[in-house]
Amino acid sequence: MQKSIPIKDRFKSVIQFFESAMPVAETELVYQSPYQLLVAVILSAQCTDKRVNIITPPFFKVFPDAESLSKASVDQVFELIKSCSYPNNKAKNLLGMAQTLVNEFHGIVPSDIDEMQKMPGVGRKTANVIASVVFNLPAMAVDTHVFRLSNRIGLTANSRTPFETEKQLVKYIPKEKLSIAHHWLILHGRYVCIARKPKCAECGIKDFCKYYSKLLAKTIG
């Protein structure tokens, strides 16, 4: 049975494992410009990256930049993204995002997280993704995988919102590792620590995982 692990030691062990096992960790969304990544991240909410990567190539042929998208109709956008989740809302957000990007930022995606959130469909998570992936800034984006995984492993405690999770992760993850740590957690949650049936037997961080510790306790008990 595991002993109680101090939070700093848990973070240190998790980071050391990922640095060794996953030295390269990047977004699985396919993009070629900040605008394209912004569109892809907006589409990815409650939708798989695989589905988004199917939608975006034909989308970018029609709307290669914010200028062209800003002149579209909601119906035109909807037709191109209707196979993703919540296409009605996302169509409106994409159009609003493009119009704001053109009118307020001259078509150039800003690097500032607060500025980005002025655009429809761009919340803190999306802004943090763009900041870290495009601009290599020390930002921790908390999506459903990161939120769930952080609580399950024990990196966060009693975190009820993505922002609370972000604050706790930023406190213990070195600034220079924040961007890649976001991808470590996403990819681990996507392929190993699956929501309904985590693959604990093949997990490299189970020895310092709070969830696995509870499983061991139940088995022994």
Protein backbone atom coordinates (compact mmCIF):
# COMPACT_ATOMS: atom_id res chain seq x y z
CA MET A 1 0.00 0.00 0.00
CA GLN A 2 1.29 3.47 -0.89
CA LYS A 3 2.36 5.91 1.76
CA SER A 4 0.98 9.42 1.69
CA ILE A 5 2.96 11.38 -0.88
CA PRO A 6 3.67 15.09 -0.29
CA ILE A 7 2.23 17.20 -3.10
CA LYS A 8 5.63 18.57 -4.15
CA ASP A 9 7.04 15.05 -4.42
CA ARG A 10 4.02 13.90 -6.43
CA PHE A 11 4.52 16.71 -8.93
CA LYS A 12 8.26 16.04 -9.11
CA SER A 13 7.72 12.34 -9.80
CA VAL A 14 5.03 12.95 -12.42
CA ILE A 15 7.17 15.52 -14.23
CA GLN A 16 10.25 13.28 -14.16
CA PHE A 17 8.26 10.40 -15.64
CA PHE A 18 6.81 12.46 -18.47
CA GLU A 19 10.15 14.09 -19.26
CA SER A 20 11.59 10.62 -19.79
CA ALA A 21 8.61 8.85 -21.38
CA MET A 22 7.22 11.74 -23.44
CA PRO A 23 10.01 14.24 -24.17
CA VAL A 24 8.07 15.52 -27.18
CA ALA A 25 4.39 16.29 -26.57
CA GLU A 26 2.41 18.46 -28.95
CA THR A 27 -1.16 19.21 -29.93
CA GLU A 28 -2.75 16.65 -32.23
CA LEU A 29 -4.74 19.36 -33.98
CA VAL A 30 -3.44 20.06 -37.48
CA TYR A 31 -2.85 23.73 -38.26
CA GLN A 32 -0.57 26.01 -40.25
CA SER A 33 -1.22 29.43 -38.73
CA PRO A 34 -2.43 31.01 -35.48
CA TYR A 35 -5.81 31.62 -37.14
CA GLN A 36 -6.13 27.96 -38.12
CA LEU A 37 -5.26 26.77 -34.62
CA LEU A 38 -7.78 29.20 -33.14
CA VAL A 39 -10.51 27.77 -35.39
CA ALA A 40 -9.47 24.20 -34.56
CA VAL A 41 -9.46 24.78 -30.79
CA ILE A 42 -12.90 26.39 -30.91
CA LEU A 43 -14.17 23.36 -32.85
CA SER A 44 -12.50 20.93 -30.44
CA ALA A 45 -14.73 21.78 -27.47
CA GLN A 46 -16.55 18.54 -26.57
CA CYS A 47 -15.27 17.08 -29.83
CA THR A 48 -12.34 14.81 -30.66
CA ASP A 49 -9.20 16.13 -32.34
CA LYS A 50 -9.64 13.39 -34.94
CA ARG A 51 -13.04 14.76 -35.95
CA VAL A 52 -11.75 18.34 -35.98
CA ASN A 53 -8.87 17.33 -38.27
CA ILE A 54 -11.42 15.92 -40.72
CA ILE A 55 -13.47 19.12 -40.67
CA THR A 56 -10.72 21.74 -40.95
CA PRO A 57 -9.08 20.98 -44.35
CA PRO A 58 -12.23 21.70 -46.40
CA PHE A 59 -13.09 24.54 -44.01
CA PHE A 60 -9.76 26.28 -44.63
CA LYS A 61 -10.11 25.88 -48.38
CA VAL A 62 -13.25 28.01 -48.20
CA PHE A 63 -12.10 30.28 -45.35
CA PRO A 64 -8.27 30.45 -45.46
CA ASP A 65 -8.08 33.48 -43.18
CA ALA A 66 -10.08 35.60 -40.76
CA GLU A 67 -10.95 38.12 -43.47
CA SER A 68 -12.76 35.55 -45.62
CA LEU A 69 -14.48 33.96 -42.62
CA SER A 70 -15.67 37.34 -41.33
CA LYS A 71 -17.70 37.82 -44.52
CA ALA A 72 -19.44 34.43 -44.31
CA SER A 73 -22.94 33.67 -43.13
CA VAL A 74 -23.73 31.46 -40.15
CA ASP A 75 -25.38 28.97 -42.52
CA GLN A 76 -22.23 28.72 -44.67
CA VAL A 77 -20.10 28.02 -41.62
CA PHE A 78 -22.62 25.56 -40.22
CA GLU A 79 -22.60 23.46 -43.41
CA LEU A 80 -18.85 22.97 -43.14
CA ILE A 81 -18.76 22.09 -39.43
CA LYS A 82 -22.09 20.29 -38.91
CA SER A 83 -20.41 16.94 -38.17
CA CYS A 84 -18.86 18.30 -34.97
CA SER A 85 -20.61 18.73 -31.63
CA TYR A 86 -22.75 21.85 -31.06
CA PRO A 87 -22.37 23.12 -34.65
CA ASN A 88 -24.97 25.89 -34.27
CA ASN A 89 -23.17 27.60 -31.41
CA LYS A 90 -19.74 27.00 -32.91
CA ALA A 91 -20.80 28.46 -36.26
CA LYS A 92 -21.93 31.66 -34.51
CA ASN A 93 -18.76 31.79 -32.41
CA LEU A 94 -16.45 31.23 -35.38
CA LEU A 95 -18.12 34.00 -37.33
CA GLY A 96 -18.05 36.35 -34.32
CA MET A 97 -14.42 35.45 -33.64
CA ALA A 98 -13.39 36.25 -37.22
CA GLN A 99 -15.26 39.56 -37.26
CA THR A 100 -13.69 40.64 -33.96
CA LEU A 101 -10.26 39.46 -35.10
CA VAL A 102 -10.53 41.55 -38.26
CA ASN A 103 -12.19 44.63 -36.75
CA GLU A 104 -10.22 44.89 -33.50
CA PHE A 105 -6.95 43.08 -34.19
CA HIS A 106 -6.45 43.64 -37.94
CA GLY A 107 -6.71 39.92 -38.58
CA ILE A 108 -3.71 39.12 -36.37
CA VAL A 109 -4.24 36.76 -33.42
CA PRO A 110 -3.04 38.58 -30.28
CA SER A 111 -0.69 36.87 -27.82
CA ASP A 112 -2.30 38.41 -24.74
CA ILE A 113 -4.70 36.02 -22.99
CA ASP A 114 -7.11 38.77 -21.91
CA GLU A 115 -7.19 40.27 -25.39
CA MET A 116 -7.93 36.91 -26.96
CA GLN A 117 -10.92 36.43 -24.68
CA LYS A 118 -12.60 39.45 -26.25
CA MET A 119 -13.39 37.22 -29.22
CA PRO A 120 -16.60 35.13 -29.20
CA GLY A 121 -15.97 31.45 -28.50
CA VAL A 122 -12.58 32.13 -26.93
CA GLY A 123 -12.58 31.33 -23.22
CA ARG A 124 -9.61 31.09 -20.91
CA LYS A 125 -8.80 27.51 -21.93
CA THR A 126 -8.71 28.36 -25.63
CA ALA A 127 -6.68 31.51 -24.98
CA ASN A 128 -4.17 29.55 -22.91
CA VAL A 129 -3.81 26.95 -25.68
CA ILE A 130 -3.04 29.63 -28.27
CA ALA A 131 -0.68 31.43 -25.90
CA SER A 132 1.33 28.31 -25.11
CA VAL A 133 1.28 26.55 -28.50
CA VAL A 134 1.62 29.52 -30.85
CA PHE A 135 3.50 32.03 -28.73
CA ASN A 136 5.36 29.60 -26.44
CA LEU A 137 4.19 31.47 -23.36
CA PRO A 138 4.04 29.82 -19.90
CA ALA A 139 0.30 29.14 -19.86
CA MET A 140 -1.60 26.13 -18.53
CA ALA A 141 -4.73 25.35 -20.51
CA VAL A 142 -7.21 23.24 -18.56
CA ASP A 143 -9.56 21.19 -20.73
CA THR A 144 -11.70 18.24 -19.64
CA HIS A 145 -8.74 15.83 -19.75
CA VAL A 146 -6.46 18.07 -17.68
CA PHE A 147 -9.23 18.86 -15.18
CA ARG A 148 -10.18 15.21 -14.69
CA LEU A 149 -6.65 13.84 -14.68
CA SER A 150 -5.25 16.39 -12.25
CA ASN A 151 -7.90 15.52 -9.68
CA ARG A 152 -7.60 11.78 -10.26
CA ILE A 153 -3.82 11.66 -9.94
CA GLY A 154 -3.82 13.97 -6.94
CA LEU A 155 -2.08 16.96 -8.49
CA THR A 156 -5.03 19.08 -7.42
CA ALA A 157 -7.21 18.93 -4.34
CA ASN A 158 -10.90 19.81 -4.13
CA SER A 159 -10.71 21.70 -7.41
CA ARG A 160 -14.21 22.40 -8.70
CA THR A 161 -13.46 24.65 -11.66
CA PRO A 162 -10.89 24.72 -14.49
CA PHE A 163 -9.52 28.00 -13.14
CA GLU A 164 -8.94 26.50 -9.68
CA THR A 165 -7.15 23.59 -11.36
CA GLU A 166 -5.04 25.99 -13.41
CA LYS A 167 -3.96 27.93 -10.31
CA GLN A 168 -2.96 24.77 -8.43
CA LEU A 169 -1.01 23.33 -11.37
CA VAL A 170 0.79 26.61 -12.03
CA LYS A 171 1.85 26.72 -8.39
CA TYR A 172 3.84 23.48 -8.59
CA ILE A 173 4.85 23.03 -12.24
CA PRO A 174 8.00 24.97 -13.19
CA LYS A 175 7.19 27.91 -15.45
CA GLU A 176 9.29 26.61 -18.32
CA LYS A 177 7.42 23.27 -18.31
CA LEU A 178 3.84 24.58 -18.23
CA SER A 179 3.25 24.40 -21.98
CA ILE A 180 4.45 20.83 -22.43
CA ALA A 181 2.82 19.72 -19.16
CA HIS A 182 -0.55 20.66 -20.67
CA HIS A 183 0.09 18.19 -23.50
CA TRP A 184 1.48 15.51 -21.15
CA LEU A 185 -1.75 15.49 -19.19
CA ILE A 186 -4.01 15.63 -22.25
CA LEU A 187 -2.26 12.76 -24.03
CA HIS A 188 -2.02 10.63 -20.89
CA GLY A 189 -5.72 11.17 -20.24
CA ARG A 190 -6.59 10.41 -23.84
CA TYR A 191 -4.65 7.17 -24.21
CA VAL A 192 -3.85 5.75 -20.75
CA CYS A 193 -5.84 7.32 -17.93
CA ILE A 194 -9.12 6.98 -19.77
CA ALA A 195 -12.16 8.39 -17.99
CA ARG A 196 -14.29 5.27 -17.59
CA LYS A 197 -11.63 2.58 -17.61
CA PRO A 198 -8.10 3.79 -16.84
CA LYS A 199 -5.29 1.47 -17.95
CA CYS A 200 -3.60 1.37 -14.54
CA ALA A 201 -1.66 -1.81 -15.32
CA GLU A 202 0.33 -0.03 -18.03
CA CYS A 203 0.48 3.39 -16.39
CA GLY A 204 3.95 4.73 -15.64
CA ILE A 205 2.80 7.05 -12.87
CA LYS A 206 0.64 4.65 -10.88
CA ASP A 207 3.18 4.48 -8.04
CA PHE A 208 2.50 8.14 -7.24
CA CYS A 209 -1.16 8.30 -8.29
CA LYS A 210 -3.80 9.01 -5.65
CA TYR A 211 -6.48 7.10 -7.57
CA TYR A 212 -4.31 3.98 -7.86
CA SER A 213 -3.45 4.21 -4.19
CA LYS A 214 -7.16 4.01 -3.36
CA LEU A 215 -7.53 1.01 -5.66
CA LEU A 216 -4.73 -0.78 -3.83
CA ALA A 217 -6.30 0.03 -0.47
CA LYS A 218 -9.63 -1.46 -1.58
CA THR A 219 -7.90 -4.60 -2.87
CA ILE A 220 -5.94 -5.09 0.34
CA GLY A 221 -8.93 -4.22 2.48
